[in-house]
């Protein structure tokens, strides 16, 4: 099991459809049941996202992912960023965010986050902002 501060070799690669099963296992462990229950919609979301990357550890284990959309000029929106619990604090989340921002350096990054991840984002120079969300009935 990785420990915070451990040097962990992480490889980032493009999402492939075969990754969805493992992503859904991570979602379930995190309690993101909406993504798990709406499997077909989640699969389509990954297919249609222009930001869709996974992070693997040295052993080729999928340990984290990032999914989002960007216009490439002004806005990048991160829909989901999830690091498997045993690998939190090892740099995977930061590497995914840096990777995406390097691909679209002129954009701002917006995202929604839970209060439990607030310190992570604030440590990485994100600031809270006010917003709204409307879900389908």
N, C-alpha and C. Protein backbone atom coordinates (compact mmCIF):
# COMPACT_ATOMS: atom_id res chain seq x y z
N UNK A 1 0.84 -1.18 0.00
CA UNK A 1 0.00 0.00 0.00
C UNK A 1 0.88 1.24 0.00
N UNK A 2 0.53 2.20 -0.82
CA UNK A 2 1.29 3.44 -0.92
C UNK A 2 1.04 4.32 0.30
N UNK A 3 2.03 5.09 0.65
CA UNK A 3 1.92 6.04 1.75
C UNK A 3 2.08 7.45 1.20
N UNK A 4 1.42 8.41 1.83
CA UNK A 4 1.56 9.80 1.40
C UNK A 4 3.03 10.17 1.38
N UNK A 5 3.44 10.81 0.30
CA UNK A 5 4.82 11.22 0.16
C UNK A 5 5.69 10.18 -0.53
N UNK A 6 5.20 8.94 -0.68
CA UNK A 6 5.96 7.92 -1.40
C UNK A 6 6.18 8.37 -2.83
N UNK A 7 7.36 8.08 -3.35
CA UNK A 7 7.61 8.32 -4.78
C UNK A 7 6.96 7.17 -5.53
N UNK A 8 6.02 7.48 -6.36
CA UNK A 8 5.28 6.46 -7.08
C UNK A 8 5.37 6.78 -8.56
N UNK A 9 5.85 5.84 -9.33
CA UNK A 9 5.90 6.04 -10.77
C UNK A 9 4.50 5.89 -11.33
N UNK A 10 4.02 6.95 -11.95
CA UNK A 10 2.66 6.98 -12.48
C UNK A 10 2.72 7.24 -13.97
N UNK A 11 2.00 6.44 -14.72
CA UNK A 11 1.88 6.62 -16.16
C UNK A 11 0.47 7.11 -16.47
N UNK A 12 0.36 8.15 -17.25
CA UNK A 12 -0.94 8.66 -17.68
C UNK A 12 -1.14 8.27 -19.13
N UNK A 13 -2.31 7.76 -19.42
CA UNK A 13 -2.63 7.39 -20.80
C UNK A 13 -4.09 7.70 -21.08
N UNK A 14 -4.44 7.71 -22.36
CA UNK A 14 -5.82 7.95 -22.76
C UNK A 14 -6.72 6.82 -22.29
N UNK A 15 -7.93 7.19 -21.94
CA UNK A 15 -8.96 6.22 -21.57
C UNK A 15 -9.24 5.29 -22.74
N UNK A 16 -9.45 4.03 -22.41
CA UNK A 16 -9.91 3.02 -23.37
C UNK A 16 -11.16 2.38 -22.79
N UNK A 17 -12.06 1.95 -23.65
CA UNK A 17 -13.34 1.40 -23.18
C UNK A 17 -13.15 0.27 -22.18
N UNK A 18 -12.09 -0.49 -22.31
CA UNK A 18 -11.83 -1.59 -21.38
C UNK A 18 -11.59 -1.09 -19.95
N UNK A 19 -11.28 0.20 -19.77
CA UNK A 19 -11.02 0.77 -18.45
C UNK A 19 -12.30 0.99 -17.65
N UNK A 20 -13.44 1.02 -18.33
CA UNK A 20 -14.68 1.41 -17.66
C UNK A 20 -15.03 0.49 -16.49
N UNK A 21 -14.80 -0.79 -16.62
CA UNK A 21 -15.11 -1.71 -15.53
C UNK A 21 -14.36 -1.34 -14.26
N UNK A 22 -13.07 -1.05 -14.39
CA UNK A 22 -12.28 -0.67 -13.21
C UNK A 22 -12.70 0.71 -12.70
N UNK A 23 -12.98 1.62 -13.60
CA UNK A 23 -13.44 2.95 -13.20
C UNK A 23 -14.73 2.83 -12.38
N UNK A 24 -15.64 1.99 -12.83
CA UNK A 24 -16.89 1.81 -12.10
C UNK A 24 -16.66 1.18 -10.72
N UNK A 25 -15.66 0.32 -10.60
CA UNK A 25 -15.32 -0.22 -9.27
C UNK A 25 -14.82 0.89 -8.35
N UNK A 26 -13.98 1.78 -8.89
CA UNK A 26 -13.52 2.92 -8.10
C UNK A 26 -14.69 3.82 -7.71
N UNK A 27 -15.60 4.07 -8.67
CA UNK A 27 -16.77 4.90 -8.38
C UNK A 27 -17.61 4.29 -7.26
N UNK A 28 -17.81 2.99 -7.32
CA UNK A 28 -18.62 2.31 -6.30
C UNK A 28 -17.97 2.42 -4.93
N UNK A 29 -16.65 2.20 -4.85
CA UNK A 29 -15.94 2.31 -3.57
C UNK A 29 -16.02 3.73 -3.03
N UNK A 30 -16.04 4.72 -3.92
CA UNK A 30 -16.11 6.12 -3.50
C UNK A 30 -17.53 6.52 -3.10
N UNK A 31 -18.52 5.70 -3.45
CA UNK A 31 -19.91 6.04 -3.15
C UNK A 31 -20.56 6.87 -4.23
N UNK A 32 -19.96 6.92 -5.41
CA UNK A 32 -20.53 7.66 -6.53
C UNK A 32 -21.49 6.73 -7.27
N UNK A 33 -22.58 6.41 -6.59
CA UNK A 33 -23.51 5.40 -7.09
C UNK A 33 -24.27 5.85 -8.33
N UNK A 34 -24.46 7.14 -8.50
CA UNK A 34 -25.16 7.62 -9.69
C UNK A 34 -24.43 7.22 -10.96
N UNK A 35 -23.11 7.32 -10.94
CA UNK A 35 -22.32 6.92 -12.11
C UNK A 35 -22.38 5.42 -12.34
N UNK A 36 -22.44 4.67 -11.25
CA UNK A 36 -22.50 3.21 -11.34
C UNK A 36 -23.87 2.76 -11.83
N UNK A 37 -24.91 3.34 -11.25
CA UNK A 37 -26.28 2.94 -11.61
C UNK A 37 -26.65 3.35 -13.03
N UNK A 38 -26.10 4.45 -13.48
CA UNK A 38 -26.37 4.92 -14.85
C UNK A 38 -25.21 4.51 -15.75
N UNK A 39 -24.95 3.21 -15.79
CA UNK A 39 -23.77 2.67 -16.47
C UNK A 39 -23.72 3.06 -17.95
N UNK A 40 -24.83 2.96 -18.65
CA UNK A 40 -24.85 3.27 -20.08
C UNK A 40 -24.54 4.76 -20.30
N UNK A 41 -25.13 5.63 -19.48
CA UNK A 41 -24.86 7.06 -19.61
C UNK A 41 -23.41 7.38 -19.25
N UNK A 42 -22.89 6.69 -18.24
CA UNK A 42 -21.50 6.90 -17.85
C UNK A 42 -20.56 6.47 -18.98
N UNK A 43 -20.86 5.35 -19.59
CA UNK A 43 -20.06 4.88 -20.72
C UNK A 43 -20.08 5.90 -21.86
N UNK A 44 -21.25 6.44 -22.16
CA UNK A 44 -21.38 7.45 -23.22
C UNK A 44 -20.64 8.74 -22.84
N UNK A 45 -20.70 9.10 -21.57
CA UNK A 45 -19.99 10.30 -21.11
C UNK A 45 -18.49 10.17 -21.37
N UNK A 46 -17.93 9.02 -21.05
CA UNK A 46 -16.51 8.79 -21.32
C UNK A 46 -16.22 8.85 -22.81
N UNK A 47 -17.08 8.24 -23.59
CA UNK A 47 -16.89 8.21 -25.04
C UNK A 47 -16.91 9.62 -25.63
N UNK A 48 -17.73 10.50 -25.08
CA UNK A 48 -17.94 11.83 -25.64
C UNK A 48 -17.10 12.92 -24.99
N UNK A 49 -16.27 12.58 -24.03
CA UNK A 49 -15.44 13.58 -23.34
C UNK A 49 -14.12 13.77 -24.07
N UNK A 50 -13.72 15.03 -24.26
CA UNK A 50 -12.44 15.26 -24.91
C UNK A 50 -11.29 15.30 -23.90
N UNK A 51 -11.59 15.16 -22.64
CA UNK A 51 -10.60 14.92 -21.59
C UNK A 51 -10.99 13.59 -20.95
N UNK A 52 -10.19 12.57 -21.17
CA UNK A 52 -10.50 11.23 -20.67
C UNK A 52 -9.18 10.47 -20.52
N UNK A 53 -8.64 10.48 -19.30
CA UNK A 53 -7.33 9.89 -19.04
C UNK A 53 -7.37 9.06 -17.76
N UNK A 54 -6.50 8.06 -17.73
CA UNK A 54 -6.34 7.23 -16.54
C UNK A 54 -4.88 7.26 -16.12
N UNK A 55 -4.65 7.03 -14.84
CA UNK A 55 -3.30 6.93 -14.30
C UNK A 55 -3.08 5.50 -13.82
N UNK A 56 -1.93 4.97 -14.18
CA UNK A 56 -1.58 3.61 -13.76
C UNK A 56 -0.31 3.66 -12.92
N UNK A 57 -0.23 2.75 -11.95
CA UNK A 57 0.99 2.60 -11.16
C UNK A 57 1.98 1.73 -11.92
N UNK A 58 3.14 1.53 -11.34
CA UNK A 58 4.18 0.73 -11.99
C UNK A 58 3.67 -0.63 -12.42
N UNK A 59 2.80 -1.21 -11.66
CA UNK A 59 2.30 -2.54 -11.95
C UNK A 59 1.15 -2.56 -12.94
N UNK A 60 0.94 -1.47 -13.66
CA UNK A 60 -0.13 -1.36 -14.65
C UNK A 60 -1.53 -1.36 -14.02
N UNK A 61 -1.58 -1.09 -12.73
CA UNK A 61 -2.87 -1.02 -12.04
C UNK A 61 -3.45 0.37 -12.22
N UNK A 62 -4.73 0.44 -12.64
CA UNK A 62 -5.41 1.73 -12.79
C UNK A 62 -5.70 2.26 -11.38
N UNK A 63 -5.08 3.40 -11.05
CA UNK A 63 -5.20 3.93 -9.70
C UNK A 63 -5.96 5.25 -9.63
N UNK A 64 -6.20 5.88 -10.79
CA UNK A 64 -6.87 7.17 -10.78
C UNK A 64 -7.37 7.49 -12.17
N UNK A 65 -8.31 8.45 -12.23
CA UNK A 65 -8.78 8.88 -13.54
C UNK A 65 -9.24 10.33 -13.48
N UNK A 66 -9.32 10.93 -14.67
CA UNK A 66 -9.85 12.28 -14.82
C UNK A 66 -10.69 12.30 -16.09
N UNK A 67 -11.85 12.92 -15.98
CA UNK A 67 -12.73 13.06 -17.14
C UNK A 67 -13.26 14.47 -17.16
N UNK A 68 -13.33 15.08 -18.36
CA UNK A 68 -13.84 16.43 -18.46
C UNK A 68 -14.04 16.84 -19.90
N UNK A 69 -14.31 18.12 -20.06
CA UNK A 69 -14.52 18.71 -21.38
C UNK A 69 -13.82 20.07 -21.42
N UNK A 70 -13.39 20.44 -22.62
CA UNK A 70 -12.76 21.75 -22.78
C UNK A 70 -13.08 22.31 -24.15
N UNK A 71 -13.08 23.64 -24.23
CA UNK A 71 -13.17 24.29 -25.53
C UNK A 71 -11.78 24.59 -26.05
N UNK A 72 -10.76 24.35 -25.23
CA UNK A 72 -9.38 24.52 -25.64
C UNK A 72 -8.88 25.95 -25.62
N UNK A 73 -9.77 26.91 -25.38
CA UNK A 73 -9.39 28.32 -25.43
C UNK A 73 -9.59 29.06 -24.11
N UNK A 74 -10.75 28.84 -23.48
CA UNK A 74 -11.09 29.58 -22.28
C UNK A 74 -11.35 28.66 -21.09
N UNK A 75 -12.16 27.62 -21.30
CA UNK A 75 -12.63 26.82 -20.18
C UNK A 75 -12.29 25.35 -20.31
N UNK A 76 -11.87 24.80 -19.20
CA UNK A 76 -11.75 23.35 -19.03
C UNK A 76 -12.58 23.01 -17.80
N UNK A 77 -13.48 22.06 -17.95
CA UNK A 77 -14.32 21.64 -16.84
C UNK A 77 -14.01 20.18 -16.53
N UNK A 78 -13.61 19.94 -15.29
CA UNK A 78 -13.34 18.58 -14.84
C UNK A 78 -14.62 18.02 -14.24
N UNK A 79 -15.14 16.99 -14.87
CA UNK A 79 -16.37 16.35 -14.41
C UNK A 79 -16.10 15.42 -13.24
N UNK A 80 -15.05 14.61 -13.36
CA UNK A 80 -14.66 13.70 -12.29
C UNK A 80 -13.15 13.60 -12.23
N UNK A 81 -12.64 13.57 -11.02
CA UNK A 81 -11.24 13.25 -10.74
C UNK A 81 -11.29 12.34 -9.52
N UNK A 82 -10.77 11.14 -9.66
CA UNK A 82 -10.84 10.18 -8.55
C UNK A 82 -9.53 9.41 -8.47
N UNK A 83 -8.99 9.36 -7.27
CA UNK A 83 -7.79 8.57 -6.97
C UNK A 83 -8.20 7.50 -5.99
N UNK A 84 -7.82 6.25 -6.28
CA UNK A 84 -8.13 5.14 -5.37
C UNK A 84 -7.57 5.44 -3.98
N UNK A 85 -8.33 5.12 -2.96
CA UNK A 85 -7.98 5.45 -1.58
C UNK A 85 -6.54 5.11 -1.20
N UNK A 86 -6.03 3.92 -1.51
CA UNK A 86 -4.66 3.60 -1.09
C UNK A 86 -3.58 4.46 -1.74
N UNK A 87 -3.92 5.18 -2.80
CA UNK A 87 -2.93 5.96 -3.54
C UNK A 87 -3.08 7.47 -3.34
N UNK A 88 -3.98 7.87 -2.47
CA UNK A 88 -4.15 9.30 -2.21
C UNK A 88 -2.93 9.83 -1.47
N UNK A 89 -2.49 11.01 -1.87
CA UNK A 89 -1.31 11.62 -1.26
C UNK A 89 -0.02 11.25 -1.95
N UNK A 90 -0.09 10.48 -3.01
CA UNK A 90 1.12 10.06 -3.74
C UNK A 90 1.35 10.83 -5.03
N UNK A 91 0.51 11.82 -5.32
CA UNK A 91 0.74 12.67 -6.47
C UNK A 91 -0.06 12.36 -7.71
N UNK A 92 -0.88 11.33 -7.69
CA UNK A 92 -1.64 10.95 -8.89
C UNK A 92 -2.64 12.03 -9.29
N UNK A 93 -3.37 12.56 -8.34
CA UNK A 93 -4.36 13.61 -8.65
C UNK A 93 -3.69 14.84 -9.22
N UNK A 94 -2.61 15.25 -8.60
CA UNK A 94 -1.87 16.42 -9.07
C UNK A 94 -1.32 16.19 -10.48
N UNK A 95 -0.78 14.99 -10.72
CA UNK A 95 -0.23 14.70 -12.04
C UNK A 95 -1.31 14.73 -13.11
N UNK A 96 -2.48 14.21 -12.80
CA UNK A 96 -3.58 14.24 -13.78
C UNK A 96 -4.00 15.68 -14.07
N UNK A 97 -4.16 16.49 -13.04
CA UNK A 97 -4.54 17.89 -13.24
C UNK A 97 -3.48 18.65 -14.03
N UNK A 98 -2.22 18.45 -13.68
CA UNK A 98 -1.13 19.13 -14.39
C UNK A 98 -1.07 18.68 -15.85
N UNK A 99 -1.27 17.39 -16.09
CA UNK A 99 -1.26 16.84 -17.44
C UNK A 99 -2.33 17.51 -18.30
N UNK A 100 -3.55 17.58 -17.77
CA UNK A 100 -4.66 18.17 -18.51
C UNK A 100 -4.41 19.66 -18.74
N UNK A 101 -3.93 20.35 -17.72
CA UNK A 101 -3.71 21.79 -17.88
C UNK A 101 -2.58 22.05 -18.88
N UNK A 102 -1.57 21.18 -18.94
CA UNK A 102 -0.50 21.34 -19.92
C UNK A 102 -1.01 21.16 -21.35
N UNK A 103 -2.03 20.32 -21.52
CA UNK A 103 -2.63 20.13 -22.84
C UNK A 103 -3.43 21.36 -23.27
N UNK A 104 -3.98 22.08 -22.29
CA UNK A 104 -4.85 23.24 -22.55
C UNK A 104 -4.40 24.39 -21.65
N UNK A 105 -3.18 24.91 -21.84
CA UNK A 105 -2.59 25.85 -20.89
C UNK A 105 -3.26 27.22 -20.82
N UNK A 106 -4.02 27.60 -21.83
CA UNK A 106 -4.65 28.91 -21.82
C UNK A 106 -6.03 28.91 -21.17
N UNK A 107 -6.47 27.74 -20.72
CA UNK A 107 -7.80 27.65 -20.13
C UNK A 107 -7.75 27.74 -18.62
N UNK A 108 -8.87 28.16 -18.05
CA UNK A 108 -9.04 28.05 -16.61
C UNK A 108 -9.63 26.67 -16.36
N UNK A 109 -9.42 26.14 -15.16
CA UNK A 109 -10.00 24.84 -14.81
C UNK A 109 -11.08 25.07 -13.77
N UNK A 110 -12.27 24.60 -14.08
CA UNK A 110 -13.39 24.64 -13.14
C UNK A 110 -13.75 23.20 -12.79
N UNK A 111 -14.23 23.01 -11.57
CA UNK A 111 -14.68 21.69 -11.15
C UNK A 111 -15.54 21.81 -9.90
N UNK A 112 -16.29 20.78 -9.64
CA UNK A 112 -17.04 20.66 -8.40
C UNK A 112 -16.28 19.68 -7.52
N UNK A 113 -16.30 19.90 -6.22
CA UNK A 113 -15.59 19.01 -5.31
C UNK A 113 -16.36 18.92 -4.00
N UNK A 114 -16.16 17.82 -3.31
CA UNK A 114 -16.77 17.65 -2.00
C UNK A 114 -15.96 18.42 -0.96
N UNK A 115 -16.56 18.66 0.18
CA UNK A 115 -15.86 19.38 1.23
C UNK A 115 -14.65 18.60 1.73
N UNK A 116 -14.69 17.27 1.62
CA UNK A 116 -13.55 16.47 2.09
C UNK A 116 -12.32 16.63 1.21
N UNK A 117 -12.49 17.10 -0.02
CA UNK A 117 -11.33 17.29 -0.90
C UNK A 117 -10.91 18.76 -0.99
N UNK A 118 -11.53 19.60 -0.21
CA UNK A 118 -11.24 21.03 -0.26
C UNK A 118 -9.76 21.34 -0.05
N UNK A 119 -9.15 20.73 0.94
CA UNK A 119 -7.75 21.04 1.23
C UNK A 119 -6.84 20.66 0.07
N UNK A 120 -7.13 19.55 -0.62
CA UNK A 120 -6.33 19.15 -1.79
C UNK A 120 -6.35 20.25 -2.83
N UNK A 121 -7.54 20.74 -3.16
CA UNK A 121 -7.64 21.74 -4.22
C UNK A 121 -7.04 23.07 -3.79
N UNK A 122 -7.25 23.46 -2.55
CA UNK A 122 -6.67 24.71 -2.08
C UNK A 122 -5.14 24.64 -2.07
N UNK A 123 -4.57 23.49 -1.73
CA UNK A 123 -3.12 23.30 -1.77
C UNK A 123 -2.57 23.43 -3.19
N UNK A 124 -3.42 23.19 -4.17
CA UNK A 124 -3.00 23.23 -5.57
C UNK A 124 -3.54 24.47 -6.29
N UNK A 125 -3.74 25.55 -5.51
CA UNK A 125 -4.04 26.88 -6.01
C UNK A 125 -5.42 27.04 -6.63
N UNK A 126 -6.34 26.15 -6.30
CA UNK A 126 -7.73 26.36 -6.69
C UNK A 126 -8.38 27.23 -5.62
N UNK A 127 -9.40 27.97 -6.02
CA UNK A 127 -10.14 28.78 -5.06
C UNK A 127 -11.61 28.42 -5.18
N UNK A 128 -12.33 28.48 -4.08
CA UNK A 128 -13.77 28.20 -4.17
C UNK A 128 -14.49 29.30 -4.93
N UNK A 129 -15.57 28.94 -5.59
CA UNK A 129 -16.41 29.93 -6.26
C UNK A 129 -17.86 29.47 -6.15
N UNK A 130 -18.74 30.39 -6.36
CA UNK A 130 -20.16 30.13 -6.22
C UNK A 130 -20.74 29.64 -7.54
N UNK A 131 -21.59 28.64 -7.49
CA UNK A 131 -22.18 28.13 -8.71
C UNK A 131 -23.52 27.48 -8.46
N UNK A 132 -24.13 27.01 -9.51
CA UNK A 132 -25.45 26.36 -9.45
C UNK A 132 -25.40 25.07 -10.25
N UNK A 133 -26.32 24.17 -9.93
CA UNK A 133 -26.46 22.93 -10.67
C UNK A 133 -27.92 22.58 -10.75
N UNK A 134 -28.35 22.16 -11.91
CA UNK A 134 -29.71 21.67 -12.08
C UNK A 134 -29.61 20.26 -12.65
N UNK A 135 -30.18 19.32 -11.95
CA UNK A 135 -30.18 17.93 -12.42
C UNK A 135 -31.47 17.64 -13.13
N UNK A 136 -31.40 16.64 -13.98
CA UNK A 136 -32.62 16.22 -14.66
C UNK A 136 -33.55 15.58 -13.65
N UNK A 137 -34.88 15.76 -13.84
CA UNK A 137 -35.84 15.18 -12.89
C UNK A 137 -35.80 13.67 -12.90
